[in-house]
Amino acid sequence: MGLLAAGIGAGIVAIGAGIGIGMIGKAATESIARQPEASGDIRGAMILTAAFIEGVALFCAVICILLVFFGG
């Protein structure tokens, strides 16, 4: 059961991170199209937020790996 839980968890993490980063990209593109002069600030905020999402995804992936090896 631990292997199944780890596989499902890893899939959910990948889907969630992909959706989150896609939404960030969409919002940043729309914002830059509306205010091109603020593109540097928007790009910086977008990269920072994407890094936070990737950090959470990495943390969840580590939990899934721990389930595989120590999940019993």
PDB file of N, CA and C in Angstrom:
ATOM      1  N   MET A   1       0.818  -1.198   0.000  1.00  0.00           N
ATOM      2  CA  MET A   1       0.000   0.000   0.000  1.00  0.00           C
ATOM      3  C   MET A   1       0.860   1.259   0.000  1.00  0.00           C
ATOM      4  N   GLY A   2       2.038   1.163   0.629  1.00  0.00           N
ATOM      5  CA  GLY A   2       2.920   2.328   0.657  1.00  0.00           C
ATOM      6  C   GLY A   2       3.399   2.706  -0.730  1.00  0.00           C
ATOM      7  N   LEU A   3       3.682   1.701  -1.561  1.00  0.00           N
ATOM      8  CA  LEU A   3       4.123   1.985  -2.930  1.00  0.00           C
ATOM      9  C   LEU A   3       3.010   2.633  -3.744  1.00  0.00           C
ATOM     10  N   LEU A   4       1.794   2.166  -3.557  1.00  0.00           N
ATOM     11  CA  LEU A   4       0.654   2.749  -4.256  1.00  0.00           C
ATOM     12  C   LEU A   4       0.424   4.187  -3.804  1.00  0.00           C
ATOM     13  N   ALA A   5       0.505   4.422  -2.511  1.00  0.00           N
ATOM     14  CA  ALA A   5       0.322   5.771  -1.990  1.00  0.00           C
ATOM     15  C   ALA A   5       1.411   6.708  -2.502  1.00  0.00           C
ATOM     16  N   ALA A   6       2.633   6.224  -2.579  1.00  0.00           N
ATOM     17  CA  ALA A   6       3.733   7.048  -3.078  1.00  0.00           C
ATOM     18  C   ALA A   6       3.548   7.375  -4.552  1.00  0.00           C
ATOM     19  N   GLY A   7       3.119   6.420  -5.327  1.00  0.00           N
ATOM     20  CA  GLY A   7       2.886   6.668  -6.752  1.00  0.00           C
ATOM     21  C   GLY A   7       1.766   7.656  -6.999  1.00  0.00           C
ATOM     22  N   ILE A   8       0.671   7.478  -6.293  1.00  0.00           N
ATOM     23  CA  ILE A   8      -0.452   8.409  -6.433  1.00  0.00           C
ATOM     24  C   ILE A   8      -0.051   9.798  -5.944  1.00  0.00           C
ATOM     25  N   GLY A   9       0.655   9.836  -4.832  1.00  0.00           N
ATOM     26  CA  GLY A   9       1.094  11.127  -4.296  1.00  0.00           C
ATOM     27  C   GLY A   9       2.020  11.859  -5.236  1.00  0.00           C
ATOM     28  N   ALA A  10       2.957  11.147  -5.844  1.00  0.00           N
ATOM     29  CA  ALA A  10       3.886  11.774  -6.787  1.00  0.00           C
ATOM     30  C   ALA A  10       3.143  12.313  -8.003  1.00  0.00           C
ATOM     31  N   GLY A  11       2.148  11.584  -8.459  1.00  0.00           N
ATOM     32  CA  GLY A  11       1.343  12.053  -9.595  1.00  0.00           C
ATOM     33  C   GLY A  11       0.556  13.302  -9.264  1.00  0.00           C
ATOM     34  N   ILE A  12      -0.035  13.323  -8.090  1.00  0.00           N
ATOM     35  CA  ILE A  12      -0.808  14.491  -7.669  1.00  0.00           C
ATOM     36  C   ILE A  12       0.102  15.699  -7.504  1.00  0.00           C
ATOM     37  N   VAL A  13       1.288  15.481  -6.945  1.00  0.00           N
ATOM     38  CA  VAL A  13       2.253  16.578  -6.778  1.00  0.00           C
ATOM     39  C   VAL A  13       2.642  17.152  -8.140  1.00  0.00           C
ATOM     40  N   ALA A  14       2.927  16.294  -9.105  1.00  0.00           N
ATOM     41  CA  ALA A  14       3.336  16.763 -10.430  1.00  0.00           C
ATOM     42  C   ALA A  14       2.210  17.544 -11.109  1.00  0.00           C
ATOM     43  N   ILE A  15       0.996  17.044 -11.004  1.00  0.00           N
ATOM     44  CA  ILE A  15      -0.147  17.735 -11.602  1.00  0.00           C
ATOM     45  C   ILE A  15      -0.378  19.080 -10.924  1.00  0.00           C
ATOM     46  N   GLY A  16      -0.325  19.097  -9.611  1.00  0.00           N
ATOM     47  CA  GLY A  16      -0.544  20.340  -8.881  1.00  0.00           C
ATOM     48  C   GLY A  16       0.506  21.397  -9.179  1.00  0.00           C
ATOM     49  N   ALA A  17       1.761  20.989  -9.226  1.00  0.00           N
ATOM     50  CA  ALA A  17       2.834  21.938  -9.538  1.00  0.00           C
ATOM     51  C   ALA A  17       2.692  22.457 -10.968  1.00  0.00           C
ATOM     52  N   GLY A  18       2.344  21.594 -11.890  1.00  0.00           N
ATOM     53  CA  GLY A  18       2.159  22.019 -13.280  1.00  0.00           C
ATOM     54  C   GLY A  18       1.018  23.008 -13.433  1.00  0.00           C
ATOM     55  N   ILE A  19      -0.083  22.748 -12.765  1.00  0.00           N
ATOM     56  CA  ILE A  19      -1.222  23.663 -12.826  1.00  0.00           C
ATOM     57  C   ILE A  19      -0.857  25.002 -12.188  1.00  0.00           C
ATOM     58  N   GLY A  20      -0.183  24.958 -11.049  1.00  0.00           N
ATOM     59  CA  GLY A  20       0.187  26.188 -10.361  1.00  0.00           C
ATOM     60  C   GLY A  20       1.127  27.054 -11.182  1.00  0.00           C
ATOM     61  N   ILE A  21       2.151  26.452 -11.759  1.00  0.00           N
ATOM     62  CA  ILE A  21       3.103  27.217 -12.559  1.00  0.00           C
ATOM     63  C   ILE A  21       2.435  27.710 -13.850  1.00  0.00           C
ATOM     64  N   GLY A  22       1.534  26.928 -14.407  1.00  0.00           N
ATOM     65  CA  GLY A  22       0.796  27.384 -15.582  1.00  0.00           C
ATOM     66  C   GLY A  22      -0.068  28.592 -15.287  1.00  0.00           C
ATOM     67  N   MET A  23      -0.709  28.592 -14.125  1.00  0.00           N
ATOM     68  CA  MET A  23      -1.527  29.742 -13.742  1.00  0.00           C
ATOM     69  C   MET A  23      -0.665  30.977 -13.504  1.00  0.00           C
ATOM     70  N   ILE A  24       0.520  30.783 -12.928  1.00  0.00           N
ATOM     71  CA  ILE A  24       1.438  31.908 -12.723  1.00  0.00           C
ATOM     72  C   ILE A  24       1.865  32.485 -14.071  1.00  0.00           C
ATOM     73  N   GLY A  25       2.232  31.628 -15.003  1.00  0.00           N
ATOM     74  CA  GLY A  25       2.644  32.095 -16.321  1.00  0.00           C
ATOM     75  C   GLY A  25       1.544  32.838 -17.047  1.00  0.00           C
ATOM     76  N   LYS A  26       0.331  32.321 -16.948  1.00  0.00           N
ATOM     77  CA  LYS A  26      -0.814  32.980 -17.585  1.00  0.00           C
ATOM     78  C   LYS A  26      -1.040  34.363 -17.005  1.00  0.00           C
ATOM     79  N   ALA A  27      -1.046  34.453 -15.693  1.00  0.00           N
ATOM     80  CA  ALA A  27      -1.284  35.743 -15.045  1.00  0.00           C
ATOM     81  C   ALA A  27      -0.156  36.729 -15.331  1.00  0.00           C
ATOM     82  N   ALA A  28       1.078  36.253 -15.341  1.00  0.00           N
ATOM     83  CA  ALA A  28       2.208  37.139 -15.608  1.00  0.00           C
ATOM     84  C   ALA A  28       2.172  37.639 -17.050  1.00  0.00           C
ATOM     85  N   THR A  29       1.835  36.775 -17.979  1.00  0.00           N
ATOM     86  CA  THR A  29       1.757  37.188 -19.378  1.00  0.00           C
ATOM     87  C   THR A  29       0.676  38.239 -19.578  1.00  0.00           C
ATOM     88  N   GLU A  30      -0.482  38.026 -18.963  1.00  0.00           N
ATOM     89  CA  GLU A  30      -1.560  39.007 -19.062  1.00  0.00           C
ATOM     90  C   GLU A  30      -1.160  40.328 -18.420  1.00  0.00           C
ATOM     91  N   SER A  31      -0.486  40.261 -17.288  1.00  0.00           N
ATOM     92  CA  SER A  31      -0.069  41.479 -16.595  1.00  0.00           C
ATOM     93  C   SER A  31       0.962  42.259 -17.402  1.00  0.00           C
ATOM     94  N   ILE A  32       1.913  41.557 -18.006  1.00  0.00           N
ATOM     95  CA  ILE A  32       2.922  42.230 -18.820  1.00  0.00           C
ATOM     96  C   ILE A  32       2.285  42.839 -20.071  1.00  0.00           C
ATOM     97  N   ALA A  33       1.266  42.159 -20.623  1.00  0.00           N
ATOM     98  CA  ALA A  33       0.580  42.711 -21.793  1.00  0.00           C
ATOM     99  C   ALA A  33      -0.163  43.994 -21.438  1.00  0.00           C
ATOM    100  N   ARG A  34      -0.681  44.075 -20.223  1.00  0.00           N
ATOM    101  CA  ARG A  34      -1.412  45.277 -19.807  1.00  0.00           C
ATOM    102  C   ARG A  34      -0.479  46.406 -19.403  1.00  0.00           C
ATOM    103  N   GLN A  35       0.626  46.071 -18.759  1.00  0.00           N
ATOM    104  CA  GLN A  35       1.576  47.081 -18.293  1.00  0.00           C
ATOM    105  C   GLN A  35       3.000  46.662 -18.652  1.00  0.00           C
ATOM    106  N   PRO A  36       3.413  46.918 -19.870  1.00  0.00           N
ATOM    107  CA  PRO A  36       4.755  46.495 -20.281  1.00  0.00           C
ATOM    108  C   PRO A  36       5.873  47.154 -19.476  1.00  0.00           C
ATOM    109  N   GLU A  37       5.634  48.335 -18.941  1.00  0.00           N
ATOM    110  CA  GLU A  37       6.686  49.017 -18.182  1.00  0.00           C
ATOM    111  C   GLU A  37       6.977  48.330 -16.849  1.00  0.00           C
ATOM    112  N   ALA A  38       6.086  47.498 -16.375  1.00  0.00           N
ATOM    113  CA  ALA A  38       6.285  46.795 -15.106  1.00  0.00           C
ATOM    114  C   ALA A  38       6.751  45.355 -15.316  1.00  0.00           C
ATOM    115  N   SER A  39       7.258  45.058 -16.490  1.00  0.00           N
ATOM    116  CA  SER A  39       7.597  43.661 -16.807  1.00  0.00           C
ATOM    117  C   SER A  39       8.693  43.106 -15.903  1.00  0.00           C
ATOM    118  N   GLY A  40       9.658  43.939 -15.515  1.00  0.00           N
ATOM    119  CA  GLY A  40      10.733  43.449 -14.644  1.00  0.00           C
ATOM    120  C   GLY A  40      10.227  43.032 -13.279  1.00  0.00           C
ATOM    121  N   ASP A  41       9.363  43.839 -12.688  1.00  0.00           N
ATOM    122  CA  ASP A  41       8.799  43.510 -11.379  1.00  0.00           C
ATOM    123  C   ASP A  41       7.903  42.274 -11.458  1.00  0.00           C
ATOM    124  N   ILE A  42       7.108  42.202 -12.512  1.00  0.00           N
ATOM    125  CA  ILE A  42       6.199  41.064 -12.678  1.00  0.00           C
ATOM    126  C   ILE A  42       7.003  39.781 -12.881  1.00  0.00           C
ATOM    127  N   ARG A  43       8.051  39.869 -13.694  1.00  0.00           N
ATOM    128  CA  ARG A  43       8.881  38.683 -13.959  1.00  0.00           C
ATOM    129  C   ARG A  43       9.557  38.194 -12.674  1.00  0.00           C
ATOM    130  N   GLY A  44      10.048  39.136 -11.865  1.00  0.00           N
ATOM    131  CA  GLY A  44      10.686  38.749 -10.604  1.00  0.00           C
ATOM    132  C   GLY A  44       9.714  38.071  -9.654  1.00  0.00           C
ATOM    133  N   ALA A  45       8.508  38.632  -9.542  1.00  0.00           N
ATOM    134  CA  ALA A  45       7.495  38.018  -8.676  1.00  0.00           C
ATOM    135  C   ALA A  45       7.087  36.644  -9.200  1.00  0.00           C
ATOM    136  N   MET A  46       7.021  36.516 -10.528  1.00  0.00           N
ATOM    137  CA  MET A  46       6.642  35.230 -11.118  1.00  0.00           C
ATOM    138  C   MET A  46       7.698  34.168 -10.823  1.00  0.00           C
ATOM    139  N   ILE A  47       8.966  34.509 -10.959  1.00  0.00           N
ATOM    140  CA  ILE A  47      10.038  33.541 -10.707  1.00  0.00           C
ATOM    141  C   ILE A  47      10.065  33.142  -9.239  1.00  0.00           C
ATOM    142  N   LEU A  48       9.879  34.110  -8.346  1.00  0.00           N
ATOM    143  CA  LEU A  48       9.865  33.810  -6.917  1.00  0.00           C
ATOM    144  C   LEU A  48       8.705  32.878  -6.554  1.00  0.00           C
ATOM    145  N   THR A  49       7.534  33.157  -7.074  1.00  0.00           N
ATOM    146  CA  THR A  49       6.370  32.322  -6.774  1.00  0.00           C
ATOM    147  C   THR A  49       6.537  30.920  -7.367  1.00  0.00           C
ATOM    148  N   ALA A  50       7.075  30.831  -8.572  1.00  0.00           N
ATOM    149  CA  ALA A  50       7.312  29.512  -9.173  1.00  0.00           C
ATOM    150  C   ALA A  50       8.331  28.722  -8.359  1.00  0.00           C
ATOM    151  N   ALA A  51       9.326  29.405  -7.811  1.00  0.00           N
ATOM    152  CA  ALA A  51      10.312  28.717  -6.972  1.00  0.00           C
ATOM    153  C   ALA A  51       9.661  28.178  -5.701  1.00  0.00           C
ATOM    154  N   PHE A  52       8.737  28.940  -5.125  1.00  0.00           N
ATOM    155  CA  PHE A  52       8.026  28.449  -3.941  1.00  0.00           C
ATOM    156  C   PHE A  52       7.199  27.212  -4.271  1.00  0.00           C
ATOM    157  N   ILE A  53       6.538  27.217  -5.404  1.00  0.00           N
ATOM    158  CA  ILE A  53       5.740  26.051  -5.811  1.00  0.00           C
ATOM    159  C   ILE A  53       6.650  24.845  -6.030  1.00  0.00           C
ATOM    160  N   GLU A  54       7.773  25.058  -6.687  1.00  0.00           N
ATOM    161  CA  GLU A  54       8.704  23.949  -6.916  1.00  0.00           C
ATOM    162  C   GLU A  54       9.271  23.430  -5.593  1.00  0.00           C
ATOM    163  N   GLY A  55       9.485  24.325  -4.634  1.00  0.00           N
ATOM    164  CA  GLY A  55       9.970  23.893  -3.321  1.00  0.00           C
ATOM    165  C   GLY A  55       8.977  22.989  -2.623  1.00  0.00           C
ATOM    166  N   VAL A  56       7.712  23.360  -2.671  1.00  0.00           N
ATOM    167  CA  VAL A  56       6.671  22.529  -2.063  1.00  0.00           C
ATOM    168  C   VAL A  56       6.565  21.201  -2.799  1.00  0.00           C
ATOM    169  N   ALA A  57       6.654  21.232  -4.128  1.00  0.00           N
ATOM    170  CA  ALA A  57       6.590  19.991  -4.910  1.00  0.00           C
ATOM    171  C   ALA A  57       7.761  19.075  -4.582  1.00  0.00           C
ATOM    172  N   LEU A  58       8.941  19.645  -4.421  1.00  0.00           N
ATOM    173  CA  LEU A  58      10.108  18.844  -4.057  1.00  0.00           C
ATOM    174  C   LEU A  58       9.939  18.226  -2.673  1.00  0.00           C
ATOM    175  N   PHE A  59       9.431  19.009  -1.726  1.00  0.00           N
ATOM    176  CA  PHE A  59       9.177  18.496  -0.382  1.00  0.00           C
ATOM    177  C   PHE A  59       8.196  17.327  -0.427  1.00  0.00           C
ATOM    178  N   CYS A  60       7.138  17.461  -1.203  1.00  0.00           N
ATOM    179  CA  CYS A  60       6.156  16.376  -1.316  1.00  0.00           C
ATOM    180  C   CYS A  60       6.745  15.155  -2.011  1.00  0.00           C
ATOM    181  N   ALA A  61       7.601  15.379  -2.997  1.00  0.00           N
ATOM    182  CA  ALA A  61       8.256  14.252  -3.668  1.00  0.00           C
ATOM    183  C   ALA A  61       9.173  13.498  -2.706  1.00  0.00           C
ATOM    184  N   VAL A  62       9.850  14.222  -1.830  1.00  0.00           N
ATOM    185  CA  VAL A  62      10.699  13.576  -0.820  1.00  0.00           C
ATOM    186  C   VAL A  62       9.837  12.731   0.114  1.00  0.00           C
ATOM    187  N   ILE A  63       8.681  13.242   0.484  1.00  0.00           N
ATOM    188  CA  ILE A  63       7.769  12.463   1.335  1.00  0.00           C
ATOM    189  C   ILE A  63       7.341  11.186   0.616  1.00  0.00           C
ATOM    190  N   CYS A  64       7.062  11.285  -0.679  1.00  0.00           N
ATOM    191  CA  CYS A  64       6.697  10.085  -1.444  1.00  0.00           C
ATOM    192  C   CYS A  64       7.837   9.080  -1.498  1.00  0.00           C
ATOM    193  N   ILE A  65       9.058   9.565  -1.658  1.00  0.00           N
ATOM    194  CA  ILE A  65      10.215   8.662  -1.655  1.00  0.00           C
ATOM    195  C   ILE A  65      10.374   7.996  -0.293  1.00  0.00           C
ATOM    196  N   LEU A  66      10.164   8.771   0.776  1.00  0.00           N
ATOM    197  CA  LEU A  66      10.235   8.185   2.122  1.00  0.00           C
ATOM    198  C   LEU A  66       9.168   7.122   2.302  1.00  0.00           C
ATOM    199  N   LEU A  67       7.990   7.328   1.733  1.00  0.00           N
ATOM    200  CA  LEU A  67       6.943   6.301   1.818  1.00  0.00           C
ATOM    201  C   LEU A  67       7.379   5.017   1.124  1.00  0.00           C
ATOM    202  N   VAL A  68       8.095   5.147   0.027  1.00  0.00           N
ATOM    203  CA  VAL A  68       8.530   3.955  -0.706  1.00  0.00           C
ATOM    204  C   VAL A  68       9.509   3.141   0.134  1.00  0.00           C
ATOM    205  N   PHE A  69      10.480   3.833   0.756  1.00  0.00           N
ATOM    206  CA  PHE A  69      11.526   3.111   1.451  1.00  0.00           C
ATOM    207  C   PHE A  69      11.189   2.790   2.904  1.00  0.00           C
ATOM    208  N   PHE A  70      10.401   3.616   3.556  1.00  0.00           N
ATOM    209  CA  PHE A  70      10.127   3.403   4.972  1.00  0.00           C
ATOM    210  C   PHE A  70       8.641   3.262   5.285  1.00  0.00           C
ATOM    211  N   GLY A  71       7.818   3.149   4.254  1.00  0.00           N
ATOM    212  CA  GLY A  71       6.369   3.142   4.458  1.00  0.00           C
ATOM    213  C   GLY A  71       5.791   1.834   4.953  1.00  0.00           C
ATOM    214  N   GLY A  72       6.548   0.813   4.918  1.00  0.00           N
ATOM    215  CA  GLY A  72       6.059  -0.445   5.437  1.00  0.00           C
ATOM    216  C   GLY A  72       4.966  -0.954   4.614  1.00  0.00           C
TER     217      GLY A  72
END
